[in-house]
Amino acid sequence: MTYLLRCFSYEVPTFTWSDFKDKMKENLKQGIIVCLINMFAIFFLIVDLYLYRQIQTKPNMVFSIANGLLLMLLMIFVMANLYIYPMMVTYKLSVKNIYKNALLFAFAKFLPNLGVLVLCLLLVLFPVFILQLVPNVLVLTITYLYYTILGFSLPGLVINFVINPIIDKYMQPKPAEDTKG
């Protein structure tokens, strides 16, 4: 799906189903490895956050600092994930190099990444917020339609519009300049 959204963001024509199938076959092994690493890392970070809060019986500076560092690590990891899949479908990199580059981009472009995360969070949670304010069948139906049609792909398209130019700027080799006269 990331490949298709990347093509849409660059306005490159695609054959939706055949390109999806081809890229899925091409990136399946690496995608499964990345998925397993991400599941383990997110699980570890969330369990750590939960346990630090459970262990902390009274206000303690050490646990507060540890919680803050874990939250920051979680946010950096989520920002790195904005870059992982676009790099996977665009460049032939090992999983190690994908994570290394993604972490470098997460740190180097912290503010744009934060903006993308906030925008994607709004795109995902705003319909639920509206549904809480106006609980009726029409709003529920519109919310279901939104999530069915746009809910999964619109945040991905936003990510690709912002992230792909950043990746291309730093990872694509510059064309050789003509040194003649």
N, C-alpha and C. Protein backbone atom coordinates (compact mmCIF):
# COMPACT_ATOMS: atom_id res chain seq x y z
N MET A 1 0.83 -1.18 0.00
CA MET A 1 0.00 0.00 0.00
C MET A 1 0.88 1.26 0.00
N THR A 2 2.00 1.20 0.70
CA THR A 2 2.90 2.35 0.74
C THR A 2 3.40 2.70 -0.65
N TYR A 3 3.70 1.69 -1.46
CA TYR A 3 4.15 1.96 -2.83
C TYR A 3 3.07 2.69 -3.62
N LEU A 4 1.84 2.24 -3.51
CA LEU A 4 0.74 2.89 -4.23
C LEU A 4 0.54 4.33 -3.75
N LEU A 5 0.59 4.54 -2.45
CA LEU A 5 0.43 5.90 -1.91
C LEU A 5 1.60 6.79 -2.32
N ARG A 6 2.78 6.20 -2.40
CA ARG A 6 3.96 6.94 -2.87
C ARG A 6 3.74 7.38 -4.32
N CYS A 7 3.26 6.48 -5.14
CA CYS A 7 2.98 6.82 -6.54
C CYS A 7 1.89 7.87 -6.65
N PHE A 8 0.85 7.77 -5.83
CA PHE A 8 -0.20 8.78 -5.84
C PHE A 8 0.35 10.14 -5.43
N SER A 9 1.24 10.16 -4.43
CA SER A 9 1.78 11.44 -3.97
C SER A 9 2.68 12.09 -5.02
N TYR A 10 3.33 11.28 -5.87
CA TYR A 10 4.16 11.80 -6.96
C TYR A 10 3.39 11.92 -8.27
N GLU A 11 2.11 11.57 -8.25
CA GLU A 11 1.25 11.59 -9.43
C GLU A 11 1.81 10.71 -10.55
N VAL A 12 2.32 9.55 -10.16
CA VAL A 12 2.82 8.55 -11.10
C VAL A 12 1.70 7.56 -11.37
N PRO A 13 1.41 7.27 -12.62
CA PRO A 13 0.33 6.32 -12.91
C PRO A 13 0.67 4.91 -12.39
N THR A 14 -0.33 4.24 -11.87
CA THR A 14 -0.13 2.89 -11.35
C THR A 14 -1.29 2.00 -11.79
N PHE A 15 -1.01 0.72 -11.80
CA PHE A 15 -2.05 -0.29 -11.96
C PHE A 15 -2.28 -0.83 -10.56
N THR A 16 -3.34 -0.38 -9.93
CA THR A 16 -3.54 -0.57 -8.50
C THR A 16 -3.33 -2.00 -8.05
N TRP A 17 -4.08 -2.94 -8.58
CA TRP A 17 -4.01 -4.31 -8.05
C TRP A 17 -2.72 -5.02 -8.44
N SER A 18 -2.28 -4.88 -9.66
CA SER A 18 -1.06 -5.59 -10.07
C SER A 18 0.17 -5.00 -9.39
N ASP A 19 0.25 -3.67 -9.27
CA ASP A 19 1.38 -3.06 -8.56
C ASP A 19 1.37 -3.43 -7.09
N PHE A 20 0.18 -3.45 -6.50
CA PHE A 20 0.06 -3.85 -5.09
C PHE A 20 0.57 -5.27 -4.90
N LYS A 21 0.12 -6.17 -5.77
CA LYS A 21 0.52 -7.58 -5.67
C LYS A 21 2.02 -7.74 -5.89
N ASP A 22 2.57 -7.07 -6.89
CA ASP A 22 4.00 -7.18 -7.18
C ASP A 22 4.86 -6.65 -6.03
N LYS A 23 4.51 -5.49 -5.51
CA LYS A 23 5.30 -4.91 -4.41
C LYS A 23 5.13 -5.71 -3.12
N MET A 24 3.95 -6.30 -2.93
CA MET A 24 3.75 -7.12 -1.74
C MET A 24 4.66 -8.34 -1.80
N LYS A 25 4.73 -8.99 -2.95
CA LYS A 25 5.61 -10.14 -3.10
C LYS A 25 7.07 -9.74 -2.93
N GLU A 26 7.43 -8.59 -3.48
CA GLU A 26 8.81 -8.13 -3.44
C GLU A 26 9.27 -7.77 -2.01
N ASN A 27 8.38 -7.24 -1.21
CA ASN A 27 8.75 -6.75 0.12
C ASN A 27 8.17 -7.58 1.26
N LEU A 28 7.61 -8.73 0.97
CA LEU A 28 6.93 -9.51 2.01
C LEU A 28 7.89 -9.94 3.12
N LYS A 29 9.02 -10.51 2.78
CA LYS A 29 9.95 -11.01 3.80
C LYS A 29 10.44 -9.87 4.70
N GLN A 30 10.88 -8.79 4.08
CA GLN A 30 11.36 -7.65 4.85
C GLN A 30 10.23 -7.01 5.65
N GLY A 31 9.03 -6.97 5.08
CA GLY A 31 7.89 -6.40 5.79
C GLY A 31 7.51 -7.20 7.02
N ILE A 32 7.59 -8.52 6.93
CA ILE A 32 7.28 -9.37 8.09
C ILE A 32 8.33 -9.16 9.18
N ILE A 33 9.60 -9.09 8.80
CA ILE A 33 10.66 -8.86 9.78
C ILE A 33 10.46 -7.51 10.48
N VAL A 34 10.19 -6.48 9.69
CA VAL A 34 9.97 -5.14 10.27
C VAL A 34 8.74 -5.16 11.18
N CYS A 35 7.69 -5.83 10.75
CA CYS A 35 6.46 -5.91 11.56
C CYS A 35 6.74 -6.59 12.90
N LEU A 36 7.49 -7.67 12.89
CA LEU A 36 7.82 -8.37 14.14
C LEU A 36 8.69 -7.51 15.05
N ILE A 37 9.67 -6.82 14.48
CA ILE A 37 10.51 -5.92 15.28
C ILE A 37 9.66 -4.81 15.89
N ASN A 38 8.78 -4.23 15.08
CA ASN A 38 7.92 -3.15 15.58
C ASN A 38 6.98 -3.63 16.68
N MET A 39 6.39 -4.81 16.50
CA MET A 39 5.50 -5.34 17.53
C MET A 39 6.25 -5.56 18.84
N PHE A 40 7.44 -6.14 18.75
CA PHE A 40 8.22 -6.38 19.95
C PHE A 40 8.61 -5.07 20.63
N ALA A 41 9.08 -4.10 19.85
CA ALA A 41 9.52 -2.82 20.42
C ALA A 41 8.36 -2.05 21.05
N ILE A 42 7.23 -1.98 20.36
CA ILE A 42 6.07 -1.26 20.91
C ILE A 42 5.56 -1.96 22.16
N PHE A 43 5.47 -3.27 22.12
CA PHE A 43 5.04 -4.04 23.29
C PHE A 43 5.98 -3.77 24.47
N PHE A 44 7.27 -3.82 24.23
CA PHE A 44 8.26 -3.59 25.28
C PHE A 44 8.11 -2.19 25.87
N LEU A 45 7.99 -1.18 25.01
CA LEU A 45 7.88 0.20 25.49
C LEU A 45 6.59 0.43 26.27
N ILE A 46 5.48 -0.10 25.79
CA ILE A 46 4.20 0.10 26.49
C ILE A 46 4.19 -0.64 27.82
N VAL A 47 4.71 -1.86 27.85
CA VAL A 47 4.79 -2.60 29.11
C VAL A 47 5.69 -1.87 30.09
N ASP A 48 6.82 -1.35 29.63
CA ASP A 48 7.71 -0.59 30.51
C ASP A 48 7.01 0.64 31.08
N LEU A 49 6.30 1.37 30.24
CA LEU A 49 5.57 2.54 30.73
C LEU A 49 4.54 2.14 31.79
N TYR A 50 3.84 1.07 31.53
CA TYR A 50 2.83 0.60 32.48
C TYR A 50 3.49 0.17 33.79
N LEU A 51 4.57 -0.59 33.71
CA LEU A 51 5.23 -1.09 34.93
C LEU A 51 5.85 0.04 35.75
N TYR A 52 6.45 1.02 35.10
CA TYR A 52 7.02 2.15 35.84
C TYR A 52 5.93 2.90 36.60
N ARG A 53 4.77 3.03 36.00
CA ARG A 53 3.67 3.71 36.71
C ARG A 53 3.14 2.86 37.87
N GLN A 54 3.15 1.54 37.72
CA GLN A 54 2.68 0.66 38.79
C GLN A 54 3.67 0.59 39.94
N ILE A 55 4.96 0.62 39.63
CA ILE A 55 6.00 0.55 40.66
C ILE A 55 6.04 1.84 41.47
N GLN A 56 5.78 2.94 40.82
CA GLN A 56 5.87 4.24 41.47
C GLN A 56 4.68 4.44 42.42
N THR A 57 4.91 4.24 43.72
CA THR A 57 3.84 4.39 44.71
C THR A 57 3.69 5.82 45.17
N LYS A 58 4.78 6.56 45.23
CA LYS A 58 4.73 7.98 45.58
C LYS A 58 5.60 8.74 44.59
N PRO A 59 5.40 10.04 44.48
CA PRO A 59 6.19 10.80 43.51
C PRO A 59 7.69 10.60 43.71
N ASN A 60 8.35 10.19 42.63
CA ASN A 60 9.77 9.90 42.67
C ASN A 60 10.39 10.47 41.40
N MET A 61 11.46 11.23 41.57
CA MET A 61 12.11 11.91 40.46
C MET A 61 12.69 10.92 39.46
N VAL A 62 13.27 9.82 39.93
CA VAL A 62 13.89 8.83 39.04
C VAL A 62 12.85 8.20 38.13
N PHE A 63 11.70 7.81 38.68
CA PHE A 63 10.65 7.19 37.87
C PHE A 63 10.03 8.21 36.91
N SER A 64 9.92 9.44 37.34
CA SER A 64 9.39 10.47 36.44
C SER A 64 10.32 10.68 35.25
N ILE A 65 11.62 10.73 35.50
CA ILE A 65 12.59 10.88 34.41
C ILE A 65 12.56 9.65 33.51
N ALA A 66 12.47 8.45 34.10
CA ALA A 66 12.41 7.21 33.31
C ALA A 66 11.16 7.20 32.44
N ASN A 67 10.02 7.60 33.00
CA ASN A 67 8.78 7.67 32.20
C ASN A 67 8.91 8.67 31.06
N GLY A 68 9.50 9.82 31.35
CA GLY A 68 9.70 10.83 30.30
C GLY A 68 10.59 10.32 29.18
N LEU A 69 11.68 9.65 29.56
CA LEU A 69 12.58 9.09 28.55
C LEU A 69 11.91 8.00 27.72
N LEU A 70 11.12 7.16 28.38
CA LEU A 70 10.40 6.11 27.65
C LEU A 70 9.37 6.70 26.69
N LEU A 71 8.65 7.74 27.13
CA LEU A 71 7.68 8.39 26.24
C LEU A 71 8.39 9.02 25.04
N MET A 72 9.55 9.64 25.30
CA MET A 72 10.31 10.24 24.20
C MET A 72 10.83 9.16 23.25
N LEU A 73 11.30 8.04 23.79
CA LEU A 73 11.76 6.93 22.97
C LEU A 73 10.62 6.36 22.13
N LEU A 74 9.44 6.24 22.73
CA LEU A 74 8.27 5.76 22.00
C LEU A 74 7.92 6.71 20.86
N MET A 75 7.97 8.02 21.13
CA MET A 75 7.63 9.00 20.10
C MET A 75 8.67 8.96 18.96
N ILE A 76 9.94 8.85 19.29
CA ILE A 76 10.98 8.76 18.26
C ILE A 76 10.80 7.49 17.44
N PHE A 77 10.45 6.38 18.10
CA PHE A 77 10.25 5.12 17.38
C PHE A 77 9.06 5.22 16.43
N VAL A 78 7.99 5.86 16.86
CA VAL A 78 6.83 6.04 15.98
C VAL A 78 7.20 6.96 14.81
N MET A 79 7.98 7.99 15.07
CA MET A 79 8.43 8.87 13.99
C MET A 79 9.34 8.13 13.01
N ALA A 80 10.18 7.25 13.51
CA ALA A 80 11.04 6.45 12.63
C ALA A 80 10.19 5.55 11.74
N ASN A 81 9.07 5.08 12.26
CA ASN A 81 8.20 4.21 11.46
C ASN A 81 7.54 4.95 10.30
N LEU A 82 7.49 6.27 10.36
CA LEU A 82 7.00 7.04 9.22
C LEU A 82 7.90 6.84 8.01
N TYR A 83 9.18 6.56 8.24
CA TYR A 83 10.16 6.45 7.16
C TYR A 83 10.45 5.01 6.73
N ILE A 84 10.16 4.05 7.58
CA ILE A 84 10.57 2.66 7.32
C ILE A 84 9.94 2.11 6.04
N TYR A 85 8.65 2.14 5.94
CA TYR A 85 7.99 1.53 4.78
C TYR A 85 8.25 2.28 3.48
N PRO A 86 8.23 3.62 3.46
CA PRO A 86 8.60 4.30 2.21
C PRO A 86 10.03 3.96 1.74
N MET A 87 10.97 3.83 2.68
CA MET A 87 12.33 3.45 2.28
C MET A 87 12.37 2.00 1.80
N MET A 88 11.56 1.14 2.42
CA MET A 88 11.55 -0.27 2.05
C MET A 88 11.09 -0.47 0.61
N VAL A 89 10.05 0.27 0.20
CA VAL A 89 9.52 0.07 -1.15
C VAL A 89 10.29 0.85 -2.21
N THR A 90 11.14 1.79 -1.80
CA THR A 90 11.85 2.63 -2.75
C THR A 90 13.29 2.18 -2.98
N TYR A 91 13.97 1.79 -1.90
CA TYR A 91 15.40 1.48 -1.98
C TYR A 91 15.66 0.03 -1.56
N LYS A 92 16.72 -0.53 -2.09
CA LYS A 92 17.14 -1.88 -1.71
C LYS A 92 18.10 -1.74 -0.53
N LEU A 93 17.57 -1.76 0.68
CA LEU A 93 18.36 -1.63 1.89
C LEU A 93 18.11 -2.83 2.80
N SER A 94 19.10 -3.14 3.62
CA SER A 94 18.89 -4.18 4.63
C SER A 94 18.01 -3.61 5.73
N VAL A 95 17.44 -4.50 6.53
CA VAL A 95 16.57 -4.06 7.63
C VAL A 95 17.36 -3.17 8.59
N LYS A 96 18.61 -3.53 8.85
CA LYS A 96 19.47 -2.74 9.74
C LYS A 96 19.63 -1.32 9.21
N ASN A 97 19.90 -1.19 7.91
CA ASN A 97 20.09 0.14 7.32
C ASN A 97 18.79 0.92 7.24
N ILE A 98 17.69 0.23 7.04
CA ILE A 98 16.39 0.91 7.04
C ILE A 98 16.13 1.53 8.41
N TYR A 99 16.34 0.77 9.48
CA TYR A 99 16.12 1.31 10.83
C TYR A 99 17.12 2.42 11.16
N LYS A 100 18.37 2.25 10.74
CA LYS A 100 19.38 3.28 11.01
C LYS A 100 18.98 4.59 10.35
N ASN A 101 18.64 4.52 9.06
CA ASN A 101 18.24 5.73 8.34
C ASN A 101 16.94 6.31 8.90
N ALA A 102 16.00 5.45 9.24
CA ALA A 102 14.73 5.93 9.77
C ALA A 102 14.93 6.67 11.10
N LEU A 103 15.79 6.14 11.95
CA LEU A 103 16.07 6.82 13.23
C LEU A 103 16.79 8.15 13.00
N LEU A 104 17.70 8.18 12.04
CA LEU A 104 18.37 9.45 11.72
C LEU A 104 17.36 10.48 11.22
N PHE A 105 16.45 10.07 10.35
CA PHE A 105 15.41 10.99 9.87
C PHE A 105 14.48 11.41 11.01
N ALA A 106 14.17 10.50 11.92
CA ALA A 106 13.28 10.83 13.04
C ALA A 106 13.88 11.93 13.91
N PHE A 107 15.18 11.85 14.16
CA PHE A 107 15.85 12.88 14.95
C PHE A 107 16.05 14.16 14.15
N ALA A 108 16.49 14.04 12.90
CA ALA A 108 16.85 15.21 12.10
C ALA A 108 15.62 16.05 11.72
N LYS A 109 14.50 15.42 11.51
CA LYS A 109 13.29 16.12 11.08
C LYS A 109 12.20 16.00 12.16
N PHE A 110 12.57 16.28 13.39
CA PHE A 110 11.66 16.07 14.51
C PHE A 110 10.39 16.91 14.38
N LEU A 111 10.50 18.19 14.10
CA LEU A 111 9.30 19.04 14.04
C LEU A 111 8.37 18.70 12.88
N PRO A 112 8.88 18.48 11.65
CA PRO A 112 7.95 18.05 10.60
C PRO A 112 7.30 16.70 10.94
N ASN A 113 8.06 15.79 11.55
CA ASN A 113 7.50 14.50 11.93
C ASN A 113 6.41 14.66 12.98
N LEU A 114 6.63 15.56 13.92
CA LEU A 114 5.63 15.82 14.95
C LEU A 114 4.35 16.37 14.32
N GLY A 115 4.51 17.27 13.35
CA GLY A 115 3.35 17.80 12.64
C GLY A 115 2.58 16.72 11.90
N VAL A 116 3.30 15.81 11.25
CA VAL A 116 2.65 14.71 10.53
C VAL A 116 1.91 13.81 11.51
N LEU A 117 2.54 13.51 12.64
CA LEU A 117 1.88 12.66 13.64
C LEU A 117 0.61 13.30 14.18
N VAL A 118 0.66 14.59 14.46
CA VAL A 118 -0.52 15.30 14.98
C VAL A 118 -1.63 15.30 13.92
N LEU A 119 -1.27 15.58 12.67
CA LEU A 119 -2.27 15.59 11.59
C LEU A 119 -2.90 14.21 11.41
N CYS A 120 -2.08 13.16 11.42
CA CYS A 120 -2.61 11.80 11.27
C CYS A 120 -3.49 11.42 12.47
N LEU A 121 -3.08 11.84 13.65
CA LEU A 121 -3.89 11.59 14.85
C LEU A 121 -5.25 12.27 14.73
N LEU A 122 -5.26 13.49 14.22
CA LEU A 122 -6.53 14.18 14.01
C LEU A 122 -7.39 13.47 12.97
N LEU A 123 -6.78 13.01 11.88
CA LEU A 123 -7.53 12.31 10.84
C LEU A 123 -8.14 11.01 11.36
N VAL A 124 -7.48 10.38 12.30
CA VAL A 124 -7.97 9.11 12.83
C VAL A 124 -8.97 9.33 13.95
N LEU A 125 -8.71 10.28 14.85
CA LEU A 125 -9.55 10.43 16.04
C LEU A 125 -10.67 11.45 15.92
N PHE A 126 -10.58 12.40 14.98
CA PHE A 126 -11.60 13.44 14.88
C PHE A 126 -13.00 12.87 14.63
N PRO A 127 -13.18 11.89 13.74
CA PRO A 127 -14.53 11.34 13.56
C PRO A 127 -15.10 10.70 14.83
N VAL A 128 -14.25 10.08 15.62
CA VAL A 128 -14.71 9.48 16.88
C VAL A 128 -15.12 10.59 17.85
N PHE A 129 -14.37 11.68 17.88
CA PHE A 129 -14.70 12.82 18.72
C PHE A 129 -16.05 13.42 18.32
N ILE A 130 -16.27 13.59 17.04
CA ILE A 130 -17.55 14.10 16.55
C ILE A 130 -18.68 13.15 16.93
N LEU A 131 -18.43 11.87 16.82
CA LEU A 131 -19.44 10.86 17.17
C LEU A 131 -19.79 10.95 18.66
N GLN A 132 -18.82 11.26 19.49
CA GLN A 132 -19.09 11.42 20.92
C GLN A 132 -19.93 12.67 21.19
N LEU A 133 -19.72 13.72 20.41
CA LEU A 133 -20.48 14.95 20.59
C LEU A 133 -21.90 14.85 20.05
N VAL A 134 -22.05 14.17 18.91
CA VAL A 134 -23.35 14.05 18.26
C VAL A 134 -23.66 12.57 18.06
N PRO A 135 -24.15 11.92 19.10
CA PRO A 135 -24.39 10.46 18.98
C PRO A 135 -25.74 10.17 18.32
N ASN A 136 -25.73 10.09 16.99
CA ASN A 136 -26.94 9.64 16.30
C ASN A 136 -26.56 8.73 15.15
N VAL A 137 -27.54 8.12 14.55
CA VAL A 137 -27.31 7.09 13.53
C VAL A 137 -26.67 7.69 12.28
N LEU A 138 -27.06 8.87 11.88
CA LEU A 138 -26.50 9.50 10.68
C LEU A 138 -24.99 9.74 10.86
N VAL A 139 -24.60 10.30 11.99
CA VAL A 139 -23.18 10.55 12.26
C VAL A 139 -22.41 9.23 12.35
N LEU A 140 -23.02 8.22 12.95
CA LEU A 140 -22.39 6.90 13.03
C LEU A 140 -22.18 6.32 11.63
N THR A 141 -23.17 6.46 10.77
CA THR A 141 -23.07 5.96 9.39
C THR A 141 -21.97 6.70 8.63
N ILE A 142 -21.93 8.02 8.77
CA ILE A 142 -20.89 8.81 8.11
C ILE A 142 -19.50 8.43 8.63
N THR A 143 -19.41 8.19 9.93
CA THR A 143 -18.13 7.79 10.52
C THR A 143 -17.68 6.44 9.97
N TYR A 144 -18.60 5.49 9.89
CA TYR A 144 -18.26 4.18 9.31
C TYR A 144 -17.82 4.31 7.86
N LEU A 145 -18.54 5.12 7.10
CA LEU A 145 -18.16 5.34 5.70
C LEU A 145 -16.78 5.99 5.59
N TYR A 146 -16.52 6.98 6.44
CA TYR A 146 -15.21 7.64 6.44
C TYR A 146 -14.10 6.63 6.69
N TYR A 147 -14.26 5.81 7.74
CA TYR A 147 -13.21 4.83 8.04
C TYR A 147 -13.10 3.76 6.96
N THR A 148 -14.22 3.38 6.37
CA THR A 148 -14.18 2.36 5.31
C THR A 148 -13.49 2.89 4.05
N ILE A 149 -13.79 4.12 3.68
CA ILE A 149 -13.28 4.66 2.42
C ILE A 149 -11.92 5.35 2.60
N LEU A 150 -11.78 6.19 3.63
CA LEU A 150 -10.58 7.01 3.77
C LEU A 150 -9.78 6.77 5.05
N GLY A 151 -10.36 6.16 6.02
CA GLY A 151 -9.75 6.09 7.34
C GLY A 151 -8.38 5.45 7.41
N PHE A 152 -8.12 4.49 6.54
CA PHE A 152 -6.83 3.81 6.58
C PHE A 152 -5.84 4.38 5.57
N SER A 153 -6.35 4.90 4.47
CA SER A 153 -5.46 5.36 3.41
C SER A 153 -5.11 6.85 3.49
N LEU A 154 -6.01 7.67 4.01
CA LEU A 154 -5.74 9.11 4.06
C LEU A 154 -4.54 9.47 4.94
N PRO A 155 -4.43 8.90 6.15
CA PRO A 155 -3.20 9.18 6.92
C PRO A 155 -1.95 8.70 6.18
N GLY A 156 -2.02 7.57 5.51
CA GLY A 156 -0.88 7.08 4.75
C GLY A 156 -0.51 8.00 3.60
N LEU A 157 -1.50 8.58 2.96
CA LEU A 157 -1.25 9.52 1.88
C LEU A 157 -0.59 10.79 2.41
N VAL A 158 -1.07 11.28 3.54
CA VAL A 158 -0.45 12.45 4.18
C VAL A 158 1.01 12.16 4.51
N ILE A 159 1.26 10.99 5.08
CA ILE A 159 2.63 10.61 5.43
C ILE A 159 3.50 10.59 4.18
N ASN A 160 3.00 10.00 3.10
CA ASN A 160 3.80 9.91 1.88
C ASN A 160 4.03 11.26 1.23
N PHE A 161 3.07 12.17 1.30
CA PHE A 161 3.26 13.50 0.73
C PHE A 161 4.38 14.25 1.45
N VAL A 162 4.51 14.06 2.76
CA VAL A 162 5.50 14.80 3.53
C VAL A 162 6.83 14.05 3.58
N ILE A 163 6.80 12.76 3.79
CA ILE A 163 8.01 11.98 4.07
C ILE A 163 8.81 11.68 2.81
N ASN A 164 8.18 11.34 1.70
CA ASN A 164 8.92 10.95 0.50
C ASN A 164 9.86 12.03 -0.03
N PRO A 165 9.45 13.31 -0.08
CA PRO A 165 10.41 14.32 -0.52
C PRO A 165 11.62 14.44 0.41
N ILE A 166 11.42 14.23 1.69
CA ILE A 166 12.54 14.27 2.64
C ILE A 166 13.49 13.12 2.37
N ILE A 167 12.94 11.93 2.20
CA ILE A 167 13.78 10.76 1.92
C ILE A 167 14.53 10.96 0.60
N ASP A 168 13.83 11.40 -0.42
CA ASP A 168 14.46 11.57 -1.73
C ASP A 168 15.56 12.63 -1.70
N LYS A 169 15.34 13.68 -0.94
CA LYS A 169 16.33 14.76 -0.87
C LYS A 169 17.67 14.25 -0.33
N TYR A 170 17.63 13.37 0.64
CA TYR A 170 18.86 12.93 1.29
C TYR A 170 19.38 11.57 0.82
N MET A 171 18.53 10.77 0.20
CA MET A 171 18.97 9.42 -0.16
C MET A 171 19.20 9.20 -1.64
N GLN A 172 18.63 10.03 -2.50
CA GLN A 172 18.87 9.85 -3.93
C GLN A 172 20.18 10.51 -4.30
N PRO A 173 20.99 9.81 -5.08
CA PRO A 173 22.25 10.41 -5.47
C PRO A 173 22.02 11.62 -6.39
N LYS A 174 22.88 12.59 -6.23
CA LYS A 174 22.79 13.79 -7.06
C LYS A 174 23.30 13.46 -8.46
N PRO A 175 22.67 13.98 -9.49
CA PRO A 175 23.18 13.75 -10.84
C PRO A 175 24.54 14.40 -11.02
N ALA A 176 25.40 13.74 -11.75
CA ALA A 176 26.75 14.28 -11.98
C ALA A 176 26.64 15.55 -12.80
N GLU A 177 27.34 16.59 -12.36
CA GLU A 177 27.30 17.86 -13.07
C GLU A 177 28.30 17.84 -14.23
N ASP A 178 27.92 18.51 -15.27
CA ASP A 178 28.79 18.60 -16.45
C ASP A 178 29.91 19.59 -16.15
N THR A 179 31.15 19.13 -16.19
CA THR A 179 32.30 19.99 -15.86
C THR A 179 32.84 20.72 -17.07
N LYS A 180 32.27 20.48 -18.25
CA LYS A 180 32.74 21.18 -19.45
C LYS A 180 32.24 22.61 -19.45
N GLY A 181 33.08 23.49 -19.88
CA GLY A 181 32.96 24.84 -20.09
C GLY A 181 31.89 25.68 -19.83
